[in-house]
């Protein structure tokens, strides 16, 4: 029998390691201060102990994107010793070719892996279930505690198949809300401006940031910037009316319509359009690159809407920003309010996963495999798997800020394997020890301020949406052309009426809304049935 090693206590690695595969730019949010997750290695008990303490060495073939880890790393060896397994890691080739490789692996009966990880591929997943290629793990969720206790009922419902059966496990789900409005406090101070709270004040500040030389250098500055070609980048302008042009929404009377056609959208578009005409909107918002981190680090803009986790002083982007912009100070704002009603909201996140993993019917012992992954998902073991050993791979400074001792490059070069299988349940609670207490508090606050938008916005679980699949791609292309044209000052605001006419008369909008209404009503009914049966 192999001797089991003991998982150590607190652990952590560079923020860059998290950024690669996290739903929110970093594993963020939580309910306890950094450093609170402590104690020794988690010891499984009861059925979990029986499943993870087998004397028989088992080989497990796992196909996954491996990120900053390579096969046979130090971390992989620690996990193999703990669970008495041999992991045959099948690295997927990358984002461009990964899904094609996944399909080939699932179609190859002789070489199908025991555990498969994927993203997207909803139709393929349904085909795998129908073909009997995936193990039903419903009973395992109730048998082993960590994964079931970590995810919410809605998280699990979004992953469930017909009848509430669980053939897949959510791999990474964002915090309920993980974005906020950021503003350059030093620019406000330089210009003698107060922190804006409503849209009129916000627009005035952006204008001043653009035209009043907030840096004192005479260099060009933009009032507002962000990730290009993303509607959520413009959330401060949607906030006062609880709008979003990229989602179906539920109105107060229960009707479902496409958010891009709400009449108030014209007002939000006009504010953005007028700023763009004045040169206050960074033209980078009309293109897909560079990345949000690169835009943030550049520092030539006064406000943007992005990650709460940028509040962490030890984060890579935050350090780079402060190095590149000496004396710069950013501060998060409460969501921008309607000038008359005072209404505001933040951007919610999809309660469903962006990636999943499953045990295939090729597996020798599915129960033991699930028990292993469930034990790996405990807070203590997740911390170790992601960040290693305190004092060796990371430490906390005198202020309790997480500081990596191993760079991303050294993690790869030395094949340490920190972040091993990071997207097989990526925890966003107290186990994310990279978050400071201040950051945790802001995540919790954003969950509250995003609730109104979360209650209105629809995130689909349904795979079959025939009318949407018929029109959706062309509809979104036309919408984006018109909306970004308006927002970048290249088309008149009146073209919003052109869009609404197209939606209803070119893309059969009434039928699309009716399809969405029926699917949403079914979604709500299914959720209540799932929640009732899951908790029996």
Protein backbone atom coordinates (compact mmCIF):
# COMPACT_ATOMS: atom_id res chain seq x y z
CA UNK A 1 0.00 0.00 0.00
CA UNK A 2 1.25 3.46 -0.80
CA UNK A 3 1.95 5.75 2.11
CA UNK A 4 -0.31 8.80 2.03
CA UNK A 5 1.21 12.27 2.30
CA UNK A 6 -0.57 14.89 4.38
CA UNK A 7 -1.96 17.93 2.66
CA UNK A 8 -0.66 21.07 4.28
CA UNK A 9 -2.57 24.12 5.43
CA UNK A 10 -2.71 27.55 3.90
CA UNK A 11 -1.34 28.07 0.48
CA UNK A 12 -1.22 30.45 -2.46
CA UNK A 13 0.49 31.41 -5.74
CA UNK A 14 0.64 34.29 -8.20
CA UNK A 15 -2.54 36.04 -9.27
CA UNK A 16 -1.50 35.42 -12.84
CA UNK A 17 -2.02 31.71 -12.23
CA UNK A 18 -5.62 32.38 -11.36
CA UNK A 19 -6.23 34.79 -14.21
CA UNK A 20 -5.62 32.21 -16.90
CA UNK A 21 -8.67 30.04 -16.40
CA UNK A 22 -10.95 31.87 -13.99
CA UNK A 23 -14.41 33.02 -14.84
CA UNK A 24 -13.87 36.42 -13.34
CA UNK A 25 -10.27 37.16 -14.06
CA UNK A 26 -9.28 35.74 -10.70
CA UNK A 27 -10.72 33.31 -8.25
CA UNK A 28 -12.47 35.94 -6.26
CA UNK A 29 -14.95 36.71 -3.57
CA UNK A 30 -15.41 35.01 -0.28
CA UNK A 31 -16.78 35.10 3.20
CA UNK A 32 -13.65 35.11 5.33
CA UNK A 33 -10.55 37.26 5.50
CA UNK A 34 -7.40 36.16 3.72
CA UNK A 35 -5.54 33.70 5.89
CA UNK A 36 -8.65 32.46 7.72
CA UNK A 37 -8.62 29.10 5.97
CA UNK A 38 -6.18 27.13 8.07
CA UNK A 39 -5.42 23.93 9.84
CA UNK A 40 -3.80 20.80 8.60
CA UNK A 41 -4.68 18.69 5.61
CA UNK A 42 -8.32 17.74 5.33
CA UNK A 43 -8.94 14.21 6.47
CA UNK A 44 -11.86 12.50 4.76
CA UNK A 45 -14.34 10.72 7.03
CA UNK A 46 -17.07 8.11 6.64
CA UNK A 47 -17.89 7.14 3.08
CA UNK A 48 -15.46 9.73 1.71
CA UNK A 49 -12.60 8.15 3.68
CA UNK A 50 -13.54 4.68 2.49
CA UNK A 51 -13.57 5.83 -1.12
CA UNK A 52 -10.26 7.72 -0.95
CA UNK A 53 -8.28 5.25 1.21
CA UNK A 54 -8.24 2.29 -1.14
CA UNK A 55 -5.22 0.01 -0.92
CA UNK A 56 -5.45 -0.71 -4.64
CA UNK A 57 -3.56 1.68 -6.89
CA UNK A 58 -5.85 2.93 -9.67
CA UNK A 59 -4.91 4.61 -12.93
CA UNK A 60 -7.11 7.56 -13.93
CA UNK A 61 -6.92 9.07 -17.41
CA UNK A 62 -7.87 12.77 -17.25
CA UNK A 63 -8.23 15.02 -20.30
CA UNK A 64 -8.07 18.74 -19.51
CA UNK A 65 -6.48 22.05 -20.35
CA UNK A 66 -3.49 22.10 -18.03
CA UNK A 67 -2.62 25.80 -17.96
CA UNK A 68 0.61 26.45 -16.08
CA UNK A 69 1.18 22.80 -15.23
CA UNK A 70 2.81 19.94 -17.08
CA UNK A 71 2.30 16.18 -16.64
CA UNK A 72 4.15 14.52 -13.74
CA UNK A 73 4.59 17.75 -11.81
CA UNK A 74 5.43 17.86 -8.09
CA UNK A 75 1.78 18.67 -7.34
CA UNK A 76 0.51 15.77 -9.45
CA UNK A 77 2.81 13.45 -7.51
CA UNK A 78 1.45 14.77 -4.20
CA UNK A 79 -2.10 14.03 -5.30
CA UNK A 80 -1.19 10.62 -6.65
CA UNK A 81 0.40 9.69 -3.33
CA UNK A 82 -2.51 11.02 -1.28
CA UNK A 83 -5.18 9.08 -3.17
CA UNK A 84 -3.10 6.05 -4.21
CA UNK A 85 -3.66 6.69 -7.91
CA UNK A 86 -1.63 7.11 -11.06
CA UNK A 87 -2.86 10.07 -13.11
CA UNK A 88 -2.44 9.76 -16.85
CA UNK A 89 -2.86 13.41 -17.79
CA UNK A 90 -4.01 14.05 -21.36
CA UNK A 91 -3.33 17.75 -22.04
CA UNK A 92 -5.78 19.34 -24.46
CA UNK A 93 -4.04 21.34 -27.22
CA UNK A 94 -5.51 24.75 -26.32
CA UNK A 95 -8.54 26.96 -26.88
CA UNK A 96 -8.37 26.84 -30.69
CA UNK A 97 -8.24 23.06 -31.10
CA UNK A 98 -9.32 21.80 -27.68
CA UNK A 99 -12.96 21.11 -28.48
CA UNK A 100 -12.09 19.15 -31.62
CA UNK A 101 -9.73 17.02 -29.55
CA UNK A 102 -12.43 16.47 -26.91
CA UNK A 103 -14.83 15.21 -29.56
CA UNK A 104 -12.22 12.80 -30.90
CA UNK A 105 -11.48 11.47 -27.42
CA UNK A 106 -15.15 10.93 -26.63
CA UNK A 107 -15.70 9.14 -29.94
CA UNK A 108 -12.76 6.75 -29.37
CA UNK A 109 -14.16 3.87 -27.30
CA UNK A 110 -10.74 2.26 -26.87
CA UNK A 111 -9.00 5.42 -25.66
CA UNK A 112 -11.81 7.42 -24.08
CA UNK A 113 -10.52 9.07 -20.88
CA UNK A 114 -12.00 8.30 -17.48
CA UNK A 115 -12.52 11.99 -16.79
CA UNK A 116 -13.23 14.63 -19.43
CA UNK A 117 -13.17 18.42 -19.01
CA UNK A 118 -14.74 20.81 -21.52
CA UNK A 119 -16.27 24.19 -22.12
CA UNK A 120 -19.26 25.08 -24.31
CA UNK A 121 -20.31 22.05 -26.37
CA UNK A 122 -23.87 21.87 -24.98
CA UNK A 123 -25.16 19.86 -27.94
CA UNK A 124 -22.24 17.43 -27.74
CA UNK A 125 -22.84 16.99 -24.01
CA UNK A 126 -26.47 16.04 -24.67
CA UNK A 127 -25.32 13.54 -27.29
CA UNK A 128 -22.85 11.98 -24.82
CA UNK A 129 -25.61 11.58 -22.24
CA UNK A 130 -28.00 10.06 -24.79
CA UNK A 131 -25.28 7.66 -25.96
CA UNK A 132 -24.62 6.49 -22.39
CA UNK A 133 -21.03 7.75 -22.35
CA UNK A 134 -21.24 9.64 -19.03
CA UNK A 135 -21.82 8.34 -15.51
CA UNK A 136 -24.87 9.62 -13.63
CA UNK A 137 -23.30 11.25 -10.57
CA UNK A 138 -26.51 12.35 -8.81
CA UNK A 139 -26.07 10.00 -5.85
CA UNK A 140 -22.39 10.90 -5.52
CA UNK A 141 -23.28 14.57 -4.95
CA UNK A 142 -25.31 13.56 -1.90
CA UNK A 143 -22.84 10.92 -0.76
CA UNK A 144 -19.78 13.21 -0.64
CA UNK A 145 -20.06 16.67 0.92
CA UNK A 146 -17.69 19.24 -0.53
CA UNK A 147 -18.91 19.90 -4.06
CA UNK A 148 -22.60 19.74 -3.12
CA UNK A 149 -22.09 22.07 -0.16
CA UNK A 150 -20.03 24.57 -2.14
CA UNK A 151 -22.42 25.11 -5.05
CA UNK A 152 -25.88 26.67 -4.73
CA UNK A 153 -29.05 24.97 -5.86
CA UNK A 154 -29.18 27.29 -8.87
CA UNK A 155 -25.58 26.47 -9.79
CA UNK A 156 -26.40 22.77 -9.77
CA UNK A 157 -29.73 23.23 -11.54
CA UNK A 158 -27.95 24.96 -14.41
CA UNK A 159 -25.79 21.84 -14.79
CA UNK A 160 -28.58 19.28 -14.40
CA UNK A 161 -30.05 17.19 -17.19
CA UNK A 162 -33.65 16.06 -17.64
CA UNK A 163 -35.19 14.82 -14.42
CA UNK A 164 -32.57 16.62 -12.33
CA UNK A 165 -29.89 14.01 -13.04
CA UNK A 166 -26.27 15.13 -12.75
CA UNK A 167 -24.09 13.85 -15.55
CA UNK A 168 -21.65 16.77 -15.33
CA UNK A 169 -20.04 18.76 -12.53
CA UNK A 170 -19.62 22.54 -12.73
CA UNK A 171 -15.93 23.31 -13.03
CA UNK A 172 -15.79 27.08 -12.62
CA UNK A 173 -18.62 29.47 -11.77
CA UNK A 174 -18.10 33.17 -11.24
CA UNK A 175 -19.02 35.04 -8.10
CA UNK A 176 -22.63 36.33 -8.14
CA UNK A 177 -21.09 39.66 -9.20
CA UNK A 178 -17.41 40.32 -9.81
CA UNK A 179 -17.22 43.70 -11.54
CA UNK A 180 -17.38 47.29 -10.34
CA UNK A 181 -16.94 50.85 -11.61
CA UNK A 182 -13.39 52.09 -11.11
CA UNK A 183 -12.33 55.73 -11.20
CA UNK A 184 -9.02 57.57 -10.97
CA UNK A 185 -9.13 59.20 -7.55
CA UNK A 186 -5.91 61.12 -8.24
CA UNK A 187 -7.52 62.68 -11.33
CA UNK A 188 -10.54 63.71 -9.29
CA UNK A 189 -8.22 65.30 -6.75
CA UNK A 190 -6.13 67.04 -9.41
CA UNK A 191 -9.26 68.64 -10.90
CA UNK A 192 -11.02 69.32 -7.61
CA UNK A 193 -13.94 67.04 -8.50
CA UNK A 194 -16.17 65.07 -6.15
CA UNK A 195 -16.83 61.36 -6.54
CA UNK A 196 -19.82 61.04 -8.91
CA UNK A 197 -22.89 59.14 -7.76
CA UNK A 198 -25.47 59.65 -10.54
CA UNK A 199 -25.25 59.58 -14.31
CA UNK A 200 -25.24 63.36 -14.80
CA UNK A 201 -22.32 63.71 -12.38
CA UNK A 202 -20.54 60.75 -13.95
CA UNK A 203 -20.82 62.24 -17.44
CA UNK A 204 -19.51 65.60 -16.18
CA UNK A 205 -16.49 63.92 -14.60
CA UNK A 206 -15.74 61.97 -17.79
CA UNK A 207 -15.88 65.18 -19.79
CA UNK A 208 -13.47 66.87 -17.38
CA UNK A 209 -11.12 63.88 -17.47
CA UNK A 210 -11.02 64.23 -21.25
CA UNK A 211 -10.69 67.99 -21.69
CA UNK A 212 -9.12 69.42 -18.51
CA UNK A 213 -5.69 67.72 -18.48
CA UNK A 214 -6.10 65.64 -15.29
CA UNK A 215 -2.46 64.48 -15.45
CA UNK A 216 -1.01 67.97 -15.87
CA UNK A 217 1.17 66.73 -18.73
CA UNK A 218 -0.92 67.78 -21.70
CA UNK A 219 -1.08 64.18 -22.88
CA UNK A 220 -4.30 62.82 -24.37
CA UNK A 221 -6.63 61.20 -21.87
CA UNK A 222 -9.99 59.49 -22.24
CA UNK A 223 -12.77 59.79 -19.70
CA UNK A 224 -13.96 56.21 -20.17
CA UNK A 225 -12.43 53.00 -21.50
CA UNK A 226 -12.66 49.24 -21.13
CA UNK A 227 -12.67 45.92 -22.92
CA UNK A 228 -13.76 46.41 -26.53
CA UNK A 229 -16.85 44.93 -28.10
CA UNK A 230 -18.35 43.98 -24.73
CA UNK A 231 -21.65 45.47 -23.61
CA UNK A 232 -20.77 44.91 -19.96
CA UNK A 233 -17.92 47.38 -20.32
CA UNK A 234 -20.60 50.07 -20.59
CA UNK A 235 -22.52 48.94 -17.52
CA UNK A 236 -22.36 52.33 -15.71
CA UNK A 237 -24.61 53.63 -18.49
CA UNK A 238 -27.03 50.68 -18.36
CA UNK A 239 -27.21 50.76 -14.55
CA UNK A 240 -29.67 53.67 -14.02
CA UNK A 241 -32.38 51.85 -16.02
CA UNK A 242 -31.38 48.22 -15.29
CA UNK A 243 -30.66 47.56 -18.95
CA UNK A 244 -28.53 45.16 -20.93
CA UNK A 245 -28.66 44.81 -24.73
CA UNK A 246 -27.23 41.29 -24.76
CA UNK A 247 -29.88 39.37 -22.81
CA UNK A 248 -33.53 38.49 -22.77
CA UNK A 249 -35.07 40.08 -19.69
CA UNK A 250 -38.14 39.60 -17.51
CA UNK A 251 -40.20 42.77 -17.10
CA UNK A 252 -42.09 43.63 -13.92
CA UNK A 253 -45.33 42.32 -15.42
CA UNK A 254 -43.68 38.96 -16.17
CA UNK A 255 -43.32 39.46 -19.91
CA UNK A 256 -40.07 38.36 -21.54
CA UNK A 257 -38.50 40.55 -24.22
CA UNK A 258 -35.05 41.09 -25.64
CA UNK A 259 -33.19 43.68 -23.58
CA UNK A 260 -31.88 45.49 -26.64
CA UNK A 261 -35.40 46.65 -27.50
CA UNK A 262 -36.37 48.27 -24.18
CA UNK A 263 -37.45 51.88 -24.87
CA UNK A 264 -35.14 53.27 -22.16
CA UNK A 265 -32.19 51.92 -24.14
CA UNK A 266 -32.38 55.05 -26.27
CA UNK A 267 -31.54 57.22 -23.24
CA UNK A 268 -28.52 55.15 -22.26
CA UNK A 269 -27.24 55.09 -25.83
CA UNK A 270 -27.59 58.85 -26.13
CA UNK A 271 -25.35 59.46 -23.09
CA UNK A 272 -22.64 57.21 -24.51
CA UNK A 273 -23.03 58.68 -28.01
CA UNK A 274 -22.67 62.26 -26.79
CA UNK A 275 -19.52 61.41 -24.85
CA UNK A 276 -18.07 59.64 -27.88
CA UNK A 277 -18.69 62.67 -30.10
CA UNK A 278 -16.74 64.76 -27.55
CA UNK A 279 -13.82 62.31 -27.64
CA UNK A 280 -14.43 61.09 -24.08
CA UNK A 281 -14.97 57.42 -25.07
CA UNK A 282 -11.77 55.52 -25.82
CA UNK A 283 -11.92 54.21 -29.43
CA UNK A 284 -10.40 50.97 -28.13
CA UNK A 285 -13.93 50.05 -27.02
CA UNK A 286 -14.80 49.40 -30.67
CA UNK A 287 -12.16 46.68 -31.15
CA UNK A 288 -11.58 43.34 -29.44
CA UNK A 289 -7.98 43.90 -28.34
CA UNK A 290 -5.97 44.63 -26.22
CA UNK A 291 -6.95 42.79 -23.07
CA UNK A 292 -8.64 44.52 -20.10
CA UNK A 293 -5.45 44.15 -18.09
CA UNK A 294 -3.38 45.89 -20.75
CA UNK A 295 -5.90 48.74 -20.96
CA UNK A 296 -5.94 49.07 -17.18
CA UNK A 297 -2.13 49.10 -16.94
CA UNK A 298 -1.82 51.73 -19.67
CA UNK A 299 -3.56 54.23 -17.38
CA UNK A 300 -4.65 56.80 -19.97
CA UNK A 301 -8.31 56.74 -18.98
CA UNK A 302 -10.26 57.95 -15.98
CA UNK A 303 -13.01 55.35 -15.46
CA UNK A 304 -13.78 51.79 -16.49
CA UNK A 305 -15.93 48.84 -15.44
CA UNK A 306 -13.99 45.72 -14.55
CA UNK A 307 -12.85 43.22 -11.95
CA UNK A 308 -13.44 43.64 -8.23
CA UNK A 309 -10.29 41.58 -7.71
CA UNK A 310 -8.18 44.49 -8.95
CA UNK A 311 -8.64 45.80 -5.41
CA UNK A 312 -6.12 43.19 -4.23
CA UNK A 313 -2.81 45.06 -3.84
CA UNK A 314 -0.82 41.91 -4.55
CA UNK A 315 -2.49 41.23 -7.90
CA UNK A 316 -0.32 41.25 -11.00
CA UNK A 317 -2.38 43.83 -12.93
CA UNK A 318 -2.64 46.11 -9.89
CA UNK A 319 1.13 46.02 -9.32
CA UNK A 320 1.81 46.66 -13.01
CA UNK A 321 -0.67 49.57 -13.05
CA UNK A 322 0.94 51.26 -10.07
CA UNK A 323 4.43 50.67 -11.48
CA UNK A 324 3.48 52.10 -14.87
CA UNK A 325 1.55 55.03 -13.37
CA UNK A 326 3.45 56.37 -10.31
CA UNK A 327 1.15 58.16 -7.90
CA UNK A 328 -2.01 56.85 -9.57
CA UNK A 329 -4.88 55.91 -7.26
CA UNK A 330 -8.00 54.01 -8.30
CA UNK A 331 -11.11 53.65 -6.21
CA UNK A 332 -14.29 51.60 -6.73
CA UNK A 333 -17.62 53.41 -7.02
CA UNK A 334 -21.08 52.36 -6.02
CA UNK A 335 -23.21 51.68 -9.12
CA UNK A 336 -24.11 54.81 -11.05
CA UNK A 337 -27.60 56.02 -10.17
CA UNK A 338 -30.47 57.40 -12.24
CA UNK A 339 -30.41 61.19 -11.81
CA UNK A 340 -34.09 61.38 -10.79
CA UNK A 341 -35.10 58.00 -9.34
CA UNK A 342 -31.78 57.10 -7.73
CA UNK A 343 -32.05 53.53 -9.06
CA UNK A 344 -28.81 51.66 -9.73
CA UNK A 345 -27.52 48.13 -10.10
CA UNK A 346 -24.31 46.28 -10.88
CA UNK A 347 -23.52 43.58 -13.42
CA UNK A 348 -24.51 40.07 -12.28
CA UNK A 349 -22.80 36.91 -13.42
CA UNK A 350 -24.24 33.77 -14.95
CA UNK A 351 -25.12 31.28 -12.18
CA UNK A 352 -24.14 28.48 -14.56
CA UNK A 353 -20.63 27.22 -15.18
CA UNK A 354 -18.51 28.16 -18.17
CA UNK A 355 -16.79 24.76 -18.01
CA UNK A 356 -17.60 21.29 -16.70
CA UNK A 357 -16.09 17.90 -16.05
CA UNK A 358 -17.59 14.44 -16.09
CA UNK A 359 -16.70 10.83 -15.37
CA UNK A 360 -17.15 8.62 -18.39
CA UNK A 361 -18.45 5.07 -18.44
CA UNK A 362 -14.91 3.97 -19.32
CA UNK A 363 -13.90 4.60 -15.69
CA UNK A 364 -12.96 1.61 -13.56
CA UNK A 365 -14.41 3.00 -10.31
CA UNK A 366 -16.56 6.15 -10.82
CA UNK A 367 -17.46 6.43 -7.13
CA UNK A 368 -13.82 6.47 -6.06
CA UNK A 369 -12.96 9.04 -8.74
CA UNK A 370 -15.77 11.34 -7.65
CA UNK A 371 -14.75 10.95 -4.02
CA UNK A 372 -11.19 11.94 -4.93
CA UNK A 373 -12.28 15.07 -6.77
CA UNK A 374 -14.70 15.92 -3.98
CA UNK A 375 -11.91 15.64 -1.40
CA UNK A 376 -9.67 17.77 -3.63
CA UNK A 377 -12.44 20.40 -3.60
CA UNK A 378 -12.39 20.87 0.18
CA UNK A 379 -11.15 24.35 1.17
CA UNK A 380 -7.85 23.09 2.62
CA UNK A 381 -7.06 20.82 -0.30
CA UNK A 382 -8.11 23.37 -2.90
CA UNK A 383 -5.73 25.88 -1.30
CA UNK A 384 -2.86 23.38 -1.40
CA UNK A 385 -3.57 22.34 -4.99
CA UNK A 386 -3.73 25.94 -6.19
CA UNK A 387 -0.93 27.57 -4.20
CA UNK A 388 1.25 25.01 -2.48
CA UNK A 389 2.81 25.38 0.95
CA UNK A 390 2.97 28.57 2.99
CA UNK A 391 6.55 29.72 3.44
CA UNK A 392 7.65 27.71 0.42
CA UNK A 393 5.38 28.79 -2.42
CA UNK A 394 3.70 31.86 -0.91
CA UNK A 395 3.55 34.02 2.19
CA UNK A 396 1.49 36.87 3.67
CA UNK A 397 3.09 40.24 4.31
CA UNK A 398 2.66 42.23 7.52
CA UNK A 399 -0.69 43.57 6.26
CA UNK A 400 -2.00 40.09 5.50
CA UNK A 401 -1.60 40.52 1.73
CA UNK A 402 -0.91 37.34 -0.19
CA UNK A 403 2.54 37.34 -1.81
CA UNK A 404 3.63 34.57 -4.21
CA UNK A 405 7.11 33.18 -3.78
CA UNK A 406 6.96 31.24 -7.04
CA UNK A 407 6.55 33.03 -10.34
CA UNK A 408 4.43 31.68 -13.17
CA UNK A 409 7.65 31.07 -15.10
CA UNK A 410 9.28 29.14 -12.25
CA UNK A 411 6.12 27.12 -11.73
CA UNK A 412 6.45 25.92 -15.31
CA UNK A 413 10.23 25.69 -15.52
CA UNK A 414 10.54 23.70 -12.28
CA UNK A 415 7.36 21.70 -13.04
CA UNK A 416 5.94 22.44 -9.59
CA UNK A 417 2.37 22.21 -10.86
CA UNK A 418 0.69 24.90 -8.74
CA UNK A 419 -2.86 25.32 -10.04
CA UNK A 420 -3.12 21.64 -10.92
CA UNK A 421 -6.57 20.88 -12.39
CA UNK A 422 -7.63 24.36 -11.31
CA UNK A 423 -10.97 24.30 -13.11
CA UNK A 424 -12.23 21.12 -11.46
CA UNK A 425 -14.27 23.10 -8.91
CA UNK A 426 -12.58 26.49 -8.66
CA UNK A 427 -13.63 27.88 -5.29
CA UNK A 428 -14.55 31.56 -4.92
CA UNK A 429 -15.13 31.54 -1.16
CA UNK A 430 -12.76 31.76 1.82
CA UNK A 431 -10.50 29.25 0.12
CA UNK A 432 -9.34 31.99 -2.25
CA UNK A 433 -6.63 33.29 0.03
CA UNK A 434 -5.41 35.82 -2.53
CA UNK A 435 -8.31 38.13 -1.59
CA UNK A 436 -7.83 40.70 1.16
CA UNK A 437 -10.62 41.44 3.66
CA UNK A 438 -11.35 44.66 1.75
CA UNK A 439 -11.73 42.75 -1.51
CA UNK A 440 -13.97 40.14 0.08
CA UNK A 441 -16.18 42.90 1.47
CA UNK A 442 -16.43 44.49 -1.98
CA UNK A 443 -17.40 41.17 -3.59
CA UNK A 444 -20.14 40.78 -1.00
CA UNK A 445 -21.32 44.34 -1.57
CA UNK A 446 -21.45 43.81 -5.34
CA UNK A 447 -23.55 40.69 -4.89
CA UNK A 448 -26.10 42.91 -3.15
CA UNK A 449 -25.93 45.79 -5.63
CA UNK A 450 -26.24 43.41 -8.62
CA UNK A 451 -29.37 41.69 -7.30
CA UNK A 452 -31.88 43.84 -9.21
CA UNK A 453 -30.16 43.07 -12.51
CA UNK A 454 -29.83 39.39 -11.59
CA UNK A 455 -33.57 39.19 -10.92
CA UNK A 456 -34.37 40.69 -14.31
CA UNK A 457 -31.84 39.05 -16.58
CA UNK A 458 -32.25 35.59 -18.12
CA UNK A 459 -29.40 33.09 -18.31
CA UNK A 460 -30.45 30.12 -20.38
CA UNK A 461 -30.24 26.51 -19.36
CA UNK A 462 -32.25 25.31 -22.36
CA UNK A 463 -30.25 23.85 -25.22
CA UNK A 464 -33.08 23.71 -27.76
CA UNK A 465 -34.10 27.21 -28.88
CA UNK A 466 -35.03 26.66 -32.54
CA UNK A 467 -36.05 30.20 -33.46
CA UNK A 468 -33.09 31.73 -31.70
CA UNK A 469 -30.70 29.35 -33.45
CA UNK A 470 -32.32 30.34 -36.72
CA UNK A 471 -31.95 34.08 -36.22
CA UNK A 472 -29.59 34.66 -33.31
CA UNK A 473 -26.23 34.96 -35.08
CA UNK A 474 -27.49 37.37 -37.75
CA UNK A 475 -29.52 39.26 -35.15
CA UNK A 476 -26.51 39.83 -32.92
CA UNK A 477 -24.34 40.91 -35.84
CA UNK A 478 -26.91 43.52 -36.88
CA UNK A 479 -27.45 44.67 -33.29
CA UNK A 480 -23.73 45.04 -32.60
CA UNK A 481 -23.17 47.01 -35.80
CA UNK A 482 -25.93 49.47 -34.91
CA UNK A 483 -25.26 49.72 -31.16
CA UNK A 484 -21.50 50.12 -31.37
CA UNK A 485 -21.96 52.54 -34.24
CA UNK A 486 -24.18 54.67 -32.00
CA UNK A 487 -21.95 54.29 -28.95
CA UNK A 488 -18.80 55.27 -30.83
CA UNK A 489 -20.49 58.33 -32.33
CA UNK A 490 -20.53 56.99 -35.88
CA UNK A 491 -24.29 56.55 -36.20
CA UNK A 492 -27.13 58.76 -34.94
CA UNK A 493 -29.02 57.80 -31.80
CA UNK A 494 -32.16 57.61 -33.97
CA UNK A 495 -30.78 54.40 -35.46
CA UNK A 496 -31.96 52.71 -32.28
CA UNK A 497 -35.43 52.84 -33.87
CA UNK A 498 -33.95 51.16 -36.95
CA UNK A 499 -32.75 48.34 -34.71
CA UNK A 500 -36.11 47.85 -32.98
CA UNK A 501 -37.82 47.70 -36.37
CA UNK A 502 -35.28 45.12 -37.57
CA UNK A 503 -35.77 43.00 -34.47
CA UNK A 504 -39.51 42.73 -34.92
CA UNK A 505 -39.86 42.81 -38.70
CA UNK A 506 -36.67 41.22 -39.99
CA UNK A 507 -35.87 38.75 -37.21
CA UNK A 508 -39.46 37.88 -36.24
CA UNK A 509 -39.07 39.42 -32.80
CA UNK A 510 -42.60 38.64 -31.57
CA UNK A 511 -41.99 34.93 -32.19
CA UNK A 512 -38.54 35.13 -30.55
CA UNK A 513 -40.08 36.74 -27.48
CA UNK A 514 -42.81 34.10 -27.37
CA UNK A 515 -40.23 31.31 -27.59
CA UNK A 516 -38.21 32.94 -24.82
CA UNK A 517 -41.33 33.38 -22.68
CA UNK A 518 -42.26 29.71 -22.97
CA UNK A 519 -38.74 28.55 -22.22
CA UNK A 520 -38.45 30.89 -19.24
CA UNK A 521 -41.76 29.71 -17.76
CA UNK A 522 -40.56 26.13 -18.16
CA UNK A 523 -37.18 27.07 -16.65
CA UNK A 524 -38.79 28.46 -13.49
CA UNK A 525 -41.07 25.45 -13.08
CA UNK A 526 -38.16 23.04 -13.58
CA UNK A 527 -36.03 24.91 -11.06
CA UNK A 528 -38.67 24.64 -8.33
CA UNK A 529 -39.05 20.91 -9.01
CA UNK A 530 -35.27 20.45 -8.94
CA UNK A 531 -34.84 22.37 -5.69
CA UNK A 532 -37.60 20.37 -4.00
CA UNK A 533 -36.25 17.00 -5.08
CA UNK A 534 -32.59 17.87 -4.46
CA UNK A 535 -33.20 18.66 -0.81
CA UNK A 536 -35.24 15.59 0.07
